[in-house]
């Protein structure tokens, strides 16, 4: 697993990292709520939204914006409130 990058804004912390099989963007909100967006390490598959990095998949999306919208919904915030580390900006198809 790579250490990756982090970003913070408006009480939301984001952590991007890579495992042997996935690129993961994990969010943690002020109240402890979490959400994660994952994609295969090659970067060409649909994005999976999960309640946590190791949680069960809730939905799949082609577009990064739609996956972020779902993740924001899980955290109870707007998609525009989510910080995205530079290394994760190219997720999606």
C-alpha atoms as a PDB file:
ATOM      1  CA  UNK A   1       0.000   0.000   0.000  1.00  0.00           C
ATOM      2  CA  UNK A   2       1.286   3.466  -0.833  1.00  0.00           C
ATOM      3  CA  UNK A   3       1.038   6.292   1.686  1.00  0.00           C
ATOM      4  CA  UNK A   4      -0.704   8.583  -0.802  1.00  0.00           C
ATOM      5  CA  UNK A   5      -1.960  12.092  -0.197  1.00  0.00           C
ATOM      6  CA  UNK A   6      -4.333  13.822   2.187  1.00  0.00           C
ATOM      7  CA  UNK A   7      -6.487  16.929   2.010  1.00  0.00           C
ATOM      8  CA  UNK A   8      -8.828  18.681   4.463  1.00  0.00           C
ATOM      9  CA  UNK A   9     -11.636  21.206   4.103  1.00  0.00           C
ATOM     10  CA  UNK A  10     -14.771  22.182   6.007  1.00  0.00           C
ATOM     11  CA  UNK A  11     -14.359  19.439   8.612  1.00  0.00           C
ATOM     12  CA  UNK A  12     -13.882  16.686   6.011  1.00  0.00           C
ATOM     13  CA  UNK A  13     -10.595  14.780   5.792  1.00  0.00           C
ATOM     14  CA  UNK A  14      -9.702  12.934   2.589  1.00  0.00           C
ATOM     15  CA  UNK A  15      -7.005  10.307   2.212  1.00  0.00           C
ATOM     16  CA  UNK A  16      -5.949   8.885  -1.153  1.00  0.00           C
ATOM     17  CA  UNK A  17      -3.815   5.754  -1.327  1.00  0.00           C
ATOM     18  CA  UNK A  18      -3.206   2.702  -3.478  1.00  0.00           C
ATOM     19  CA  UNK A  19      -3.254  -0.962  -2.507  1.00  0.00           C
ATOM     20  CA  UNK A  20      -2.070  -3.856  -4.680  1.00  0.00           C
ATOM     21  CA  UNK A  21      -5.464  -3.919  -6.407  1.00  0.00           C
ATOM     22  CA  UNK A  22      -7.209  -0.564  -5.866  1.00  0.00           C
ATOM     23  CA  UNK A  23      -6.962   3.190  -5.818  1.00  0.00           C
ATOM     24  CA  UNK A  24      -8.893   4.377  -2.750  1.00  0.00           C
ATOM     25  CA  UNK A  25     -10.197   7.810  -1.802  1.00  0.00           C
ATOM     26  CA  UNK A  26     -11.446   7.678   1.780  1.00  0.00           C
ATOM     27  CA  UNK A  27     -13.410  10.483   3.476  1.00  0.00           C
ATOM     28  CA  UNK A  28     -14.001  11.074   7.187  1.00  0.00           C
ATOM     29  CA  UNK A  29     -16.441  13.711   8.413  1.00  0.00           C
ATOM     30  CA  UNK A  30     -16.534  15.690  11.660  1.00  0.00           C
ATOM     31  CA  UNK A  31     -18.997  13.337  13.322  1.00  0.00           C
ATOM     32  CA  UNK A  32     -17.013  10.229  12.405  1.00  0.00           C
ATOM     33  CA  UNK A  33     -19.080   9.377   9.312  1.00  0.00           C
ATOM     34  CA  UNK A  34     -17.051   7.756   6.545  1.00  0.00           C
ATOM     35  CA  UNK A  35     -17.332   7.083   2.826  1.00  0.00           C
ATOM     36  CA  UNK A  36     -14.924   5.742   0.237  1.00  0.00           C
ATOM     37  CA  UNK A  37     -14.552   5.713  -3.534  1.00  0.00           C
ATOM     38  CA  UNK A  38     -12.433   2.931  -5.039  1.00  0.00           C
ATOM     39  CA  UNK A  39     -11.246   2.017  -8.527  1.00  0.00           C
ATOM     40  CA  UNK A  40      -8.991  -0.730  -9.839  1.00  0.00           C
ATOM     41  CA  UNK A  41      -5.314   0.148  -9.741  1.00  0.00           C
ATOM     42  CA  UNK A  42      -5.148   0.347 -13.551  1.00  0.00           C
ATOM     43  CA  UNK A  43      -7.608   3.251 -13.334  1.00  0.00           C
ATOM     44  CA  UNK A  44     -10.058   2.240 -16.046  1.00  0.00           C
ATOM     45  CA  UNK A  45     -12.897   0.447 -14.214  1.00  0.00           C
ATOM     46  CA  UNK A  46     -16.080   1.889 -12.757  1.00  0.00           C
ATOM     47  CA  UNK A  47     -15.827   3.609  -9.389  1.00  0.00           C
ATOM     48  CA  UNK A  48     -17.208   1.776  -6.359  1.00  0.00           C
ATOM     49  CA  UNK A  49     -18.778   3.740  -3.515  1.00  0.00           C
ATOM     50  CA  UNK A  50     -18.595   2.162  -0.066  1.00  0.00           C
ATOM     51  CA  UNK A  51     -19.551   3.289   3.443  1.00  0.00           C
ATOM     52  CA  UNK A  52     -15.879   2.777   4.407  1.00  0.00           C
ATOM     53  CA  UNK A  53     -12.690   1.745   2.611  1.00  0.00           C
ATOM     54  CA  UNK A  54     -13.190  -1.892   3.552  1.00  0.00           C
ATOM     55  CA  UNK A  55     -17.006  -1.852   3.503  1.00  0.00           C
ATOM     56  CA  UNK A  56     -19.365  -3.522   1.060  1.00  0.00           C
ATOM     57  CA  UNK A  57     -19.936  -1.832  -2.271  1.00  0.00           C
ATOM     58  CA  UNK A  58     -23.099   0.279  -2.352  1.00  0.00           C
ATOM     59  CA  UNK A  59     -23.092   1.429  -5.978  1.00  0.00           C
ATOM     60  CA  UNK A  60     -20.891   1.777  -9.089  1.00  0.00           C
ATOM     61  CA  UNK A  61     -20.458   4.862 -11.255  1.00  0.00           C
ATOM     62  CA  UNK A  62     -18.641   5.736 -14.471  1.00  0.00           C
ATOM     63  CA  UNK A  63     -18.149   9.368 -13.507  1.00  0.00           C
ATOM     64  CA  UNK A  64     -16.101  10.698 -10.621  1.00  0.00           C
ATOM     65  CA  UNK A  65     -18.600  13.504  -9.981  1.00  0.00           C
ATOM     66  CA  UNK A  66     -21.455  11.023  -9.484  1.00  0.00           C
ATOM     67  CA  UNK A  67     -19.350   8.897  -7.138  1.00  0.00           C
ATOM     68  CA  UNK A  68     -18.386  12.000  -5.148  1.00  0.00           C
ATOM     69  CA  UNK A  69     -22.044  13.025  -4.946  1.00  0.00           C
ATOM     70  CA  UNK A  70     -22.937   9.646  -3.422  1.00  0.00           C
ATOM     71  CA  UNK A  71     -19.993   9.802  -1.007  1.00  0.00           C
ATOM     72  CA  UNK A  72     -21.065  13.310   0.049  1.00  0.00           C
ATOM     73  CA  UNK A  73     -24.593  12.037   0.651  1.00  0.00           C
ATOM     74  CA  UNK A  74     -23.209   9.359   2.991  1.00  0.00           C
ATOM     75  CA  UNK A  75     -21.382  12.084   4.918  1.00  0.00           C
ATOM     76  CA  UNK A  76     -24.368  14.456   4.942  1.00  0.00           C
ATOM     77  CA  UNK A  77     -22.566  17.227   3.058  1.00  0.00           C
ATOM     78  CA  UNK A  78     -22.492  18.727  -0.430  1.00  0.00           C
ATOM     79  CA  UNK A  79     -20.262  17.205  -3.107  1.00  0.00           C
ATOM     80  CA  UNK A  80     -18.528  20.588  -3.329  1.00  0.00           C
ATOM     81  CA  UNK A  81     -17.486  20.292   0.334  1.00  0.00           C
ATOM     82  CA  UNK A  82     -15.350  17.220  -0.331  1.00  0.00           C
ATOM     83  CA  UNK A  83     -11.607  17.862  -0.586  1.00  0.00           C
ATOM     84  CA  UNK A  84      -9.928  15.781  -3.301  1.00  0.00           C
ATOM     85  CA  UNK A  85      -6.155  15.237  -3.136  1.00  0.00           C
ATOM     86  CA  UNK A  86      -4.422  15.931  -6.470  1.00  0.00           C
ATOM     87  CA  UNK A  87      -3.454  12.274  -6.933  1.00  0.00           C
ATOM     88  CA  UNK A  88      -7.162  11.285  -6.937  1.00  0.00           C
ATOM     89  CA  UNK A  89      -8.355  13.970  -9.353  1.00  0.00           C
ATOM     90  CA  UNK A  90      -8.151  11.657 -12.374  1.00  0.00           C
ATOM     91  CA  UNK A  91     -10.358   8.876 -10.970  1.00  0.00           C
ATOM     92  CA  UNK A  92     -13.313   7.833 -13.130  1.00  0.00           C
ATOM     93  CA  UNK A  93     -13.682   6.873 -16.738  1.00  0.00           C
END
